[in-house]
Amino acid sequence: MMQLCLIVGFLQIVSASQAGDIQFLDIRNHSSAYLTIEAHRGSLTALAVHRHAPIIASGSAKQLIKVFSLEGDQLGTIRYYPTLMAQKIGSVSCLNFHP
């Protein structure tokens, strides 16, 4: 599985593979990726790019969602915490930001 997303205002393409890495490519430079993030270890199953904010989210089969900036910094993690009122999340098969 491989996913591609075009970030229109930033002239970037974001590519993700099932191996767990996310690559950022500049449209003007076709030679190689300028940034690679090791987001998940062999279980990346979903990728979403926000339309207006400079953030992306990736999900894994291991019940984990990570949020990154376009510079590659991890901004947050969404996962299941066993508490009294917590909702359990399953394997992440799709992601999307609320419009």
PDB file of N, CA and C in Angstrom:
ATOM      1  N   MET A   1       0.831  -1.167   0.000  1.00  0.00           N
ATOM      2  CA  MET A   1       0.000   0.000   0.000  1.00  0.00           C
ATOM      3  C   MET A   1       0.883   1.239   0.000  1.00  0.00           C
ATOM      4  N   MET A   2       0.530   2.188  -0.831  1.00  0.00           N
ATOM      5  CA  MET A   2       1.249   3.458  -0.869  1.00  0.00           C
ATOM      6  C   MET A   2       0.215   4.552  -1.106  1.00  0.00           C
ATOM      7  N   GLN A   3       0.354   5.657  -0.398  1.00  0.00           N
ATOM      8  CA  GLN A   3      -0.573   6.759  -0.546  1.00  0.00           C
ATOM      9  C   GLN A   3       0.193   8.014  -0.925  1.00  0.00           C
ATOM     10  N   LEU A   4      -0.416   8.832  -1.789  1.00  0.00           N
ATOM     11  CA  LEU A   4       0.150  10.109  -2.196  1.00  0.00           C
ATOM     12  C   LEU A   4      -0.867  11.206  -1.940  1.00  0.00           C
ATOM     13  N   CYS A   5      -0.401  12.341  -1.457  1.00  0.00           N
ATOM     14  CA  CYS A   5      -1.251  13.507  -1.249  1.00  0.00           C
ATOM     15  C   CYS A   5      -0.501  14.736  -1.733  1.00  0.00           C
ATOM     16  N   LEU A   6      -1.182  15.609  -2.443  1.00  0.00           N
ATOM     17  CA  LEU A   6      -0.599  16.858  -2.918  1.00  0.00           C
ATOM     18  C   LEU A   6      -1.014  17.974  -1.977  1.00  0.00           C
ATOM     19  N   ILE A   7      -0.043  18.735  -1.496  1.00  0.00           N
ATOM     20  CA  ILE A   7      -0.315  19.890  -0.643  1.00  0.00           C
ATOM     21  C   ILE A   7      -0.239  21.111  -1.545  1.00  0.00           C
ATOM     22  N   VAL A   8      -1.385  21.629  -1.927  1.00  0.00           N
ATOM     23  CA  VAL A   8      -1.475  22.631  -2.985  1.00  0.00           C
ATOM     24  C   VAL A   8      -0.757  23.930  -2.643  1.00  0.00           C
ATOM     25  N   GLY A   9      -1.012  24.516  -1.508  1.00  0.00           N
ATOM     26  CA  GLY A   9      -0.421  25.804  -1.172  1.00  0.00           C
ATOM     27  C   GLY A   9       1.066  25.758  -0.890  1.00  0.00           C
ATOM     28  N   PHE A  10       1.627  24.571  -0.688  1.00  0.00           N
ATOM     29  CA  PHE A  10       3.018  24.450  -0.275  1.00  0.00           C
ATOM     30  C   PHE A  10       3.915  23.812  -1.340  1.00  0.00           C
ATOM     31  N   LEU A  11       3.366  23.431  -2.510  1.00  0.00           N
ATOM     32  CA  LEU A  11       4.111  22.798  -3.597  1.00  0.00           C
ATOM     33  C   LEU A  11       4.848  21.536  -3.132  1.00  0.00           C
ATOM     34  N   GLN A  12       4.166  20.717  -2.336  1.00  0.00           N
ATOM     35  CA  GLN A  12       4.752  19.494  -1.807  1.00  0.00           C
ATOM     36  C   GLN A  12       3.870  18.304  -2.104  1.00  0.00           C
ATOM     37  N   ILE A  13       4.500  17.139  -2.191  1.00  0.00           N
ATOM     38  CA  ILE A  13       3.794  15.867  -2.278  1.00  0.00           C
ATOM     39  C   ILE A  13       4.208  15.051  -1.068  1.00  0.00           C
ATOM     40  N   VAL A  14       3.235  14.448  -0.405  1.00  0.00           N
ATOM     41  CA  VAL A  14       3.500  13.592   0.744  1.00  0.00           C
ATOM     42  C   VAL A  14       3.225  12.163   0.314  1.00  0.00           C
ATOM     43  N   SER A  15       4.203  11.297   0.528  1.00  0.00           N
ATOM     44  CA  SER A  15       4.102   9.898   0.146  1.00  0.00           C
ATOM     45  C   SER A  15       4.283   9.031   1.385  1.00  0.00           C
ATOM     46  N   ALA A  16       3.426   8.022   1.526  1.00  0.00           N
ATOM     47  CA  ALA A  16       3.521   7.119   2.672  1.00  0.00           C
ATOM     48  C   ALA A  16       3.487   5.680   2.181  1.00  0.00           C
ATOM     49  N   SER A  17       4.253   4.823   2.839  1.00  0.00           N
ATOM     50  CA  SER A  17       4.261   3.411   2.474  1.00  0.00           C
ATOM     51  C   SER A  17       3.911   2.561   3.681  1.00  0.00           C
ATOM     52  N   GLN A  18       3.523   1.327   3.424  1.00  0.00           N
ATOM     53  CA  GLN A  18       3.142   0.419   4.491  1.00  0.00           C
ATOM     54  C   GLN A  18       4.319   0.104   5.404  1.00  0.00           C
ATOM     55  N   ALA A  19       5.524   0.305   4.941  1.00  0.00           N
ATOM     56  CA  ALA A  19       6.707   0.072   5.764  1.00  0.00           C
ATOM     57  C   ALA A  19       6.771   1.032   6.950  1.00  0.00           C
ATOM     58  N   GLY A  20       6.015   2.138   6.896  1.00  0.00           N
ATOM     59  CA  GLY A  20       5.946   3.044   8.024  1.00  0.00           C
ATOM     60  C   GLY A  20       6.621   4.373   7.830  1.00  0.00           C
ATOM     61  N   ASP A  21       7.195   4.623   6.660  1.00  0.00           N
ATOM     62  CA  ASP A  21       7.873   5.897   6.444  1.00  0.00           C
ATOM     63  C   ASP A  21       6.997   6.840   5.630  1.00  0.00           C
ATOM     64  N   ILE A  22       7.148   8.135   5.931  1.00  0.00           N
ATOM     65  CA  ILE A  22       6.454   9.199   5.212  1.00  0.00           C
ATOM     66  C   ILE A  22       7.531  10.071   4.587  1.00  0.00           C
ATOM     67  N   GLN A  23       7.419  10.308   3.277  1.00  0.00           N
ATOM     68  CA  GLN A  23       8.403  11.123   2.571  1.00  0.00           C
ATOM     69  C   GLN A  23       7.746  12.387   2.047  1.00  0.00           C
ATOM     70  N   PHE A  24       8.482  13.487   2.140  1.00  0.00           N
ATOM     71  CA  PHE A  24       8.037  14.774   1.624  1.00  0.00           C
ATOM     72  C   PHE A  24       8.871  15.091   0.392  1.00  0.00           C
ATOM     73  N   LEU A  25       8.190  15.388  -0.715  1.00  0.00           N
ATOM     74  CA  LEU A  25       8.862  15.700  -1.973  1.00  0.00           C
ATOM     75  C   LEU A  25       8.470  17.096  -2.417  1.00  0.00           C
ATOM     76  N   ASP A  26       9.415  17.821  -2.970  1.00  0.00           N
ATOM     77  CA  ASP A  26       9.158  19.150  -3.515  1.00  0.00           C
ATOM     78  C   ASP A  26       8.880  18.979  -5.007  1.00  0.00           C
ATOM     79  N   ILE A  27       7.815  19.585  -5.501  1.00  0.00           N
ATOM     80  CA  ILE A  27       7.442  19.462  -6.909  1.00  0.00           C
ATOM     81  C   ILE A  27       8.537  20.019  -7.820  1.00  0.00           C
ATOM     82  N   ARG A  28       9.253  21.028  -7.355  1.00  0.00           N
ATOM     83  CA  ARG A  28      10.275  21.670  -8.182  1.00  0.00           C
ATOM     84  C   ARG A  28      11.562  20.863  -8.248  1.00  0.00           C
ATOM     85  N   ASN A  29      11.774  19.920  -7.326  1.00  0.00           N
ATOM     86  CA  ASN A  29      12.998  19.115  -7.299  1.00  0.00           C
ATOM     87  C   ASN A  29      12.603  17.642  -7.373  1.00  0.00           C
ATOM     88  N   HIS A  30      12.778  17.028  -8.514  1.00  0.00           N
ATOM     89  CA  HIS A  30      12.325  15.659  -8.735  1.00  0.00           C
ATOM     90  C   HIS A  30      13.342  14.603  -8.337  1.00  0.00           C
ATOM     91  N   SER A  31      14.502  14.982  -7.877  1.00  0.00           N
ATOM     92  CA  SER A  31      15.567  14.004  -7.659  1.00  0.00           C
ATOM     93  C   SER A  31      15.330  13.099  -6.454  1.00  0.00           C
ATOM     94  N   SER A  32      14.958  13.660  -5.310  1.00  0.00           N
ATOM     95  CA  SER A  32      14.778  12.825  -4.120  1.00  0.00           C
ATOM     96  C   SER A  32      13.917  13.544  -3.093  1.00  0.00           C
ATOM     97  N   ALA A  33      13.524  12.797  -2.073  1.00  0.00           N
ATOM     98  CA  ALA A  33      12.738  13.371  -0.984  1.00  0.00           C
ATOM     99  C   ALA A  33      13.633  14.250  -0.124  1.00  0.00           C
ATOM    100  N   TYR A  34      13.097  15.383   0.330  1.00  0.00           N
ATOM    101  CA  TYR A  34      13.899  16.266   1.179  1.00  0.00           C
ATOM    102  C   TYR A  34      13.702  15.967   2.661  1.00  0.00           C
ATOM    103  N   LEU A  35      12.699  15.144   3.000  1.00  0.00           N
ATOM    104  CA  LEU A  35      12.464  14.795   4.395  1.00  0.00           C
ATOM    105  C   LEU A  35      11.790  13.435   4.456  1.00  0.00           C
ATOM    106  N   THR A  36      12.268  12.575   5.345  1.00  0.00           N
ATOM    107  CA  THR A  36      11.664  11.267   5.567  1.00  0.00           C
ATOM    108  C   THR A  36      11.414  11.101   7.057  1.00  0.00           C
ATOM    109  N   ILE A  37      10.194  10.678   7.395  1.00  0.00           N
ATOM    110  CA  ILE A  37       9.811  10.443   8.782  1.00  0.00           C
ATOM    111  C   ILE A  37       9.558   8.950   8.952  1.00  0.00           C
ATOM    112  N   GLU A  38      10.141   8.360   9.971  1.00  0.00           N
ATOM    113  CA  GLU A  38       9.825   6.979  10.326  1.00  0.00           C
ATOM    114  C   GLU A  38       8.641   7.030  11.292  1.00  0.00           C
ATOM    115  N   ALA A  39       7.439   7.064  10.759  1.00  0.00           N
ATOM    116  CA  ALA A  39       6.248   7.290  11.571  1.00  0.00           C
ATOM    117  C   ALA A  39       5.822   6.047  12.345  1.00  0.00           C
ATOM    118  N   HIS A  40       5.756   4.920  11.676  1.00  0.00           N
ATOM    119  CA  HIS A  40       5.311   3.672  12.291  1.00  0.00           C
ATOM    120  C   HIS A  40       6.257   2.564  11.840  1.00  0.00           C
ATOM    121  N   ARG A  41       6.364   1.532  12.637  1.00  0.00           N
ATOM    122  CA  ARG A  41       7.256   0.427  12.291  1.00  0.00           C
ATOM    123  C   ARG A  41       6.494  -0.665  11.549  1.00  0.00           C
ATOM    124  N   GLY A  42       6.423  -0.552  10.241  1.00  0.00           N
ATOM    125  CA  GLY A  42       5.847  -1.595   9.410  1.00  0.00           C
ATOM    126  C   GLY A  42       4.355  -1.781   9.501  1.00  0.00           C
ATOM    127  N   SER A  43       3.618  -0.767   9.918  1.00  0.00           N
ATOM    128  CA  SER A  43       2.177  -0.952  10.051  1.00  0.00           C
ATOM    129  C   SER A  43       1.366   0.281   9.660  1.00  0.00           C
ATOM    130  N   LEU A  44       1.910   1.164   8.845  1.00  0.00           N
ATOM    131  CA  LEU A  44       1.183   2.367   8.444  1.00  0.00           C
ATOM    132  C   LEU A  44       0.038   1.965   7.514  1.00  0.00           C
ATOM    133  N   THR A  45      -1.180   2.336   7.861  1.00  0.00           N
ATOM    134  CA  THR A  45      -2.344   1.930   7.080  1.00  0.00           C
ATOM    135  C   THR A  45      -3.170   3.098   6.559  1.00  0.00           C
ATOM    136  N   ALA A  46      -2.939   4.317   7.040  1.00  0.00           N
ATOM    137  CA  ALA A  46      -3.748   5.459   6.602  1.00  0.00           C
ATOM    138  C   ALA A  46      -2.952   6.753   6.711  1.00  0.00           C
ATOM    139  N   LEU A  47      -3.295   7.707   5.839  1.00  0.00           N
ATOM    140  CA  LEU A  47      -2.636   9.010   5.828  1.00  0.00           C
ATOM    141  C   LEU A  47      -3.667  10.072   5.477  1.00  0.00           C
ATOM    142  N   ALA A  48      -3.614  11.207   6.169  1.00  0.00           N
ATOM    143  CA  ALA A  48      -4.506  12.333   5.871  1.00  0.00           C
ATOM    144  C   ALA A  48      -3.708  13.621   5.946  1.00  0.00           C
ATOM    145  N   VAL A  49      -3.983  14.529   5.017  1.00  0.00           N
ATOM    146  CA  VAL A  49      -3.351  15.844   4.994  1.00  0.00           C
ATOM    147  C   VAL A  49      -4.454  16.878   5.186  1.00  0.00           C
ATOM    148  N   HIS A  50      -4.249  17.812   6.104  1.00  0.00           N
ATOM    149  CA  HIS A  50      -5.238  18.857   6.352  1.00  0.00           C
ATOM    150  C   HIS A  50      -5.241  19.838   5.191  1.00  0.00           C
ATOM    151  N   ARG A  51      -6.430  20.291   4.797  1.00  0.00           N
ATOM    152  CA  ARG A  51      -6.542  21.208   3.655  1.00  0.00           C
ATOM    153  C   ARG A  51      -5.986  22.594   3.922  1.00  0.00           C
ATOM    154  N   HIS A  52      -6.106  23.076   5.149  1.00  0.00           N
ATOM    155  CA  HIS A  52      -5.740  24.462   5.436  1.00  0.00           C
ATOM    156  C   HIS A  52      -4.597  24.598   6.440  1.00  0.00           C
ATOM    157  N   ALA A  53      -4.478  23.679   7.362  1.00  0.00           N
ATOM    158  CA  ALA A  53      -3.416  23.744   8.368  1.00  0.00           C
ATOM    159  C   ALA A  53      -2.227  22.897   7.903  1.00  0.00           C
ATOM    160  N   PRO A  54      -1.012  23.283   8.261  1.00  0.00           N
ATOM    161  CA  PRO A  54       0.175  22.525   7.833  1.00  0.00           C
ATOM    162  C   PRO A  54       0.431  21.293   8.715  1.00  0.00           C
ATOM    163  N   ILE A  55      -0.527  20.360   8.735  1.00  0.00           N
ATOM    164  CA  ILE A  55      -0.375  19.143   9.529  1.00  0.00           C
ATOM    165  C   ILE A  55      -0.834  17.926   8.727  1.00  0.00           C
ATOM    166  N   ILE A  56      -0.281  16.770   9.091  1.00  0.00           N
ATOM    167  CA  ILE A  56      -0.699  15.496   8.517  1.00  0.00           C
ATOM    168  C   ILE A  56      -0.926  14.514   9.657  1.00  0.00           C
ATOM    169  N   ALA A  57      -1.715  13.491   9.406  1.00  0.00           N
ATOM    170  CA  ALA A  57      -1.970  12.450  10.397  1.00  0.00           C
ATOM    171  C   ALA A  57      -1.750  11.100   9.736  1.00  0.00           C
ATOM    172  N   SER A  58      -1.175  10.182  10.478  1.00  0.00           N
ATOM    173  CA  SER A  58      -0.970   8.822   9.979  1.00  0.00           C
ATOM    174  C   SER A  58      -1.509   7.840  10.998  1.00  0.00           C
ATOM    175  N   GLY A  59      -2.090   6.761  10.498  1.00  0.00           N
ATOM    176  CA  GLY A  59      -2.658   5.743  11.374  1.00  0.00           C
ATOM    177  C   GLY A  59      -2.009   4.402  11.128  1.00  0.00           C
ATOM    178  N   SER A  60      -2.073   3.544  12.132  1.00  0.00           N
ATOM    179  CA  SER A  60      -1.446   2.233  12.004  1.00  0.00           C
ATOM    180  C   SER A  60      -2.411   1.131  12.392  1.00  0.00           C
ATOM    181  N   ALA A  61      -2.054  -0.079  12.036  1.00  0.00           N
ATOM    182  CA  ALA A  61      -2.836  -1.250  12.407  1.00  0.00           C
ATOM    183  C   ALA A  61      -2.718  -1.543  13.896  1.00  0.00           C
ATOM    184  N   LYS A  62      -1.814  -0.880  14.573  1.00  0.00           N
ATOM    185  CA  LYS A  62      -1.578  -1.098  16.002  1.00  0.00           C
ATOM    186  C   LYS A  62      -2.356  -0.113  16.872  1.00  0.00           C
ATOM    187  N   GLN A  63      -3.508   0.346  16.400  1.00  0.00           N
ATOM    188  CA  GLN A  63      -4.418   1.214  17.147  1.00  0.00           C
ATOM    189  C   GLN A  63      -3.754   2.517  17.593  1.00  0.00           C
ATOM    190  N   LEU A  64      -3.082   3.185  16.654  1.00  0.00           N
ATOM    191  CA  LEU A  64      -2.318   4.381  16.978  1.00  0.00           C
ATOM    192  C   LEU A  64      -2.427   5.388  15.848  1.00  0.00           C
ATOM    193  N   ILE A  65      -2.653   6.649  16.191  1.00  0.00           N
ATOM    194  CA  ILE A  65      -2.670   7.749  15.226  1.00  0.00           C
ATOM    195  C   ILE A  65      -1.641   8.768  15.669  1.00  0.00           C
ATOM    196  N   LYS A  66      -0.779   9.198  14.736  1.00  0.00           N
ATOM    197  CA  LYS A  66       0.230  10.219  15.031  1.00  0.00           C
ATOM    198  C   LYS A  66      -0.025  11.432  14.157  1.00  0.00           C
ATOM    199  N   VAL A  67       0.166  12.617  14.736  1.00  0.00           N
ATOM    200  CA  VAL A  67      -0.027  13.878  14.026  1.00  0.00           C
ATOM    201  C   VAL A  67       1.331  14.564  13.904  1.00  0.00           C
ATOM    202  N   PHE A  68       1.666  15.000  12.674  1.00  0.00           N
ATOM    203  CA  PHE A  68       2.962  15.615  12.384  1.00  0.00           C
ATOM    204  C   PHE A  68       2.772  16.973  11.727  1.00  0.00           C
ATOM    205  N   SER A  69       3.755  17.845  11.909  1.00  0.00           N
ATOM    206  CA  SER A  69       3.800  19.095  11.156  1.00  0.00           C
ATOM    207  C   SER A  69       4.447  18.803   9.806  1.00  0.00           C
ATOM    208  N   LEU A  70       4.382  19.752   8.891  1.00  0.00           N
ATOM    209  CA  LEU A  70       5.013  19.568   7.586  1.00  0.00           C
ATOM    210  C   LEU A  70       6.533  19.653   7.661  1.00  0.00           C
ATOM    211  N   GLU A  71       7.064  20.044   8.808  1.00  0.00           N
ATOM    212  CA  GLU A  71       8.509  20.054   9.017  1.00  0.00           C
ATOM    213  C   GLU A  71       9.004  18.719   9.573  1.00  0.00           C
ATOM    214  N   GLY A  72       8.085  17.804   9.878  1.00  0.00           N
ATOM    215  CA  GLY A  72       8.469  16.492  10.385  1.00  0.00           C
ATOM    216  C   GLY A  72       8.401  16.334  11.887  1.00  0.00           C
ATOM    217  N   ASP A  73       7.992  17.365  12.606  1.00  0.00           N
ATOM    218  CA  ASP A  73       7.888  17.285  14.064  1.00  0.00           C
ATOM    219  C   ASP A  73       6.603  16.572  14.463  1.00  0.00           C
ATOM    220  N   GLN A  74       6.700  15.645  15.409  1.00  0.00           N
ATOM    221  CA  GLN A  74       5.508  14.969  15.894  1.00  0.00           C
ATOM    222  C   GLN A  74       4.782  15.884  16.866  1.00  0.00           C
ATOM    223  N   LEU A  75       3.519  16.186  16.565  1.00  0.00           N
ATOM    224  CA  LEU A  75       2.736  17.110  17.374  1.00  0.00           C
ATOM    225  C   LEU A  75       1.896  16.401  18.423  1.00  0.00           C
ATOM    226  N   GLY A  76       1.529  15.169  18.161  1.00  0.00           N
ATOM    227  CA  GLY A  76       0.697  14.462  19.119  1.00  0.00           C
ATOM    228  C   GLY A  76       0.453  13.022  18.729  1.00  0.00           C
ATOM    229  N   THR A  77      -0.140  12.283  19.672  1.00  0.00           N
ATOM    230  CA  THR A  77      -0.468  10.879  19.475  1.00  0.00           C
ATOM    231  C   THR A  77      -1.874  10.634  20.013  1.00  0.00           C
ATOM    232  N   ILE A  78      -2.637   9.876  19.266  1.00  0.00           N
ATOM    233  CA  ILE A  78      -3.967   9.471  19.709  1.00  0.00           C
ATOM    234  C   ILE A  78      -3.939   7.961  19.843  1.00  0.00           C
ATOM    235  N   ARG A  79      -4.228   7.478  21.041  1.00  0.00           N
ATOM    236  CA  ARG A  79      -4.226   6.041  21.286  1.00  0.00           C
ATOM    237  C   ARG A  79      -5.217   5.717  22.385  1.00  0.00           C
ATOM    238  N   TYR A  80      -5.449   4.461  22.584  1.00  0.00           N
ATOM    239  CA  TYR A  80      -6.376   3.991  23.607  1.00  0.00           C
ATOM    240  C   TYR A  80      -5.684   3.935  24.958  1.00  0.00           C
ATOM    241  N   TYR A  81      -6.306   4.555  25.942  1.00  0.00           N
ATOM    242  CA  TYR A  81      -5.832   4.476  27.318  1.00  0.00           C
ATOM    243  C   TYR A  81      -6.912   3.782  28.149  1.00  0.00           C
ATOM    244  N   PRO A  82      -6.590   2.693  28.820  1.00  0.00           N
ATOM    245  CA  PRO A  82      -7.623   1.953  29.556  1.00  0.00           C
ATOM    246  C   PRO A  82      -8.068   2.688  30.824  1.00  0.00           C
ATOM    247  N   THR A  83      -9.166   3.397  30.712  1.00  0.00           N
ATOM    248  CA  THR A  83      -9.786   4.054  31.864  1.00  0.00           C
ATOM    249  C   THR A  83     -11.255   3.641  31.906  1.00  0.00           C
ATOM    250  N   LEU A  84     -11.940   4.099  32.884  1.00  0.00           N
ATOM    251  CA  LEU A  84     -13.331   3.692  33.087  1.00  0.00           C
ATOM    252  C   LEU A  84     -14.230   4.058  31.905  1.00  0.00           C
ATOM    253  N   MET A  85     -14.127   5.282  31.386  1.00  0.00           N
ATOM    254  CA  MET A  85     -15.030   5.745  30.337  1.00  0.00           C
ATOM    255  C   MET A  85     -14.381   5.831  28.954  1.00  0.00           C
ATOM    256  N   ALA A  86     -13.213   5.274  28.776  1.00  0.00           N
ATOM    257  CA  ALA A  86     -12.500   5.406  27.503  1.00  0.00           C
ATOM    258  C   ALA A  86     -13.136   4.551  26.413  1.00  0.00           C
ATOM    259  N   GLN A  87     -13.111   5.065  25.184  1.00  0.00           N
ATOM    260  CA  GLN A  87     -13.561   4.320  24.023  1.00  0.00           C
ATOM    261  C   GLN A  87     -12.350   3.638  23.389  1.00  0.00           C
ATOM    262  N   LYS A  88     -12.463   2.370  23.138  1.00  0.00           N
ATOM    263  CA  LYS A  88     -11.356   1.646  22.523  1.00  0.00           C
ATOM    264  C   LYS A  88     -11.388   1.876  21.021  1.00  0.00           C
ATOM    265  N   ILE A  89     -10.233   2.114  20.430  1.00  0.00           N
ATOM    266  CA  ILE A  89     -10.154   2.257  18.986  1.00  0.00           C
ATOM    267  C   ILE A  89      -9.546   0.982  18.412  1.00  0.00           C
ATOM    268  N   GLY A  90      -9.943   0.652  17.209  1.00  0.00           N
ATOM    269  CA  GLY A  90      -9.415  -0.532  16.545  1.00  0.00           C
ATOM    270  C   GLY A  90      -8.296  -0.153  15.599  1.00  0.00           C
ATOM    271  N   SER A  91      -7.965  -1.057  14.699  1.00  0.00           N
ATOM    272  CA  SER A  91      -6.962  -0.772  13.677  1.00  0.00           C
ATOM    273  C   SER A  91      -7.446   0.390  12.819  1.00  0.00           C
ATOM    274  N   VAL A  92      -6.561   1.305  12.516  1.00  0.00           N
ATOM    275  CA  VAL A  92      -6.917   2.492  11.736  1.00  0.00           C
ATOM    276  C   VAL A  92      -6.810   2.138  10.258  1.00  0.00           C
ATOM    277  N   SER A  93      -7.950   2.152   9.570  1.00  0.00           N
ATOM    278  CA  SER A  93      -7.939   1.814   8.149  1.00  0.00           C
ATOM    279  C   SER A  93      -8.168   3.032   7.260  1.00  0.00           C
ATOM    280  N   CYS A  94      -8.691   4.127   7.838  1.00  0.00           N
ATOM    281  CA  CYS A  94      -8.860   5.368   7.062  1.00  0.00           C
ATOM    282  C   CYS A  94      -8.816   6.555   8.029  1.00  0.00           C
ATOM    283  N   LEU A  95      -8.384   7.688   7.497  1.00  0.00           N
ATOM    284  CA  LEU A  95      -8.284   8.931   8.262  1.00  0.00           C
ATOM    285  C   LEU A  95      -8.775  10.088   7.418  1.00  0.00           C
ATOM    286  N   ASN A  96      -9.360  11.078   8.076  1.00  0.00           N
ATOM    287  CA  ASN A  96      -9.756  12.288   7.399  1.00  0.00           C
ATOM    288  C   ASN A  96      -9.924  13.395   8.434  1.00  0.00           C
ATOM    289  N   PHE A  97      -9.547  14.611   8.089  1.00  0.00           N
ATOM    290  CA  PHE A  97      -9.766  15.750   8.972  1.00  0.00           C
ATOM    291  C   PHE A  97     -11.177  16.285   8.741  1.00  0.00           C
ATOM    292  N   HIS A  98     -11.802  16.756   9.804  1.00  0.00           N
ATOM    293  CA  HIS A  98     -13.135  17.329   9.697  1.00  0.00           C
ATOM    294  C   HIS A  98     -13.060  18.618   8.872  1.00  0.00           C
ATOM    295  N   PRO A  99     -13.979  18.788   7.918  1.00  0.00           N
ATOM    296  CA  PRO A  99     -13.910  20.001   7.078  1.00  0.00           C
ATOM    297  C   PRO A  99     -14.233  21.239   7.863  1.00  0.00           C
TER     298      PRO A  99
END
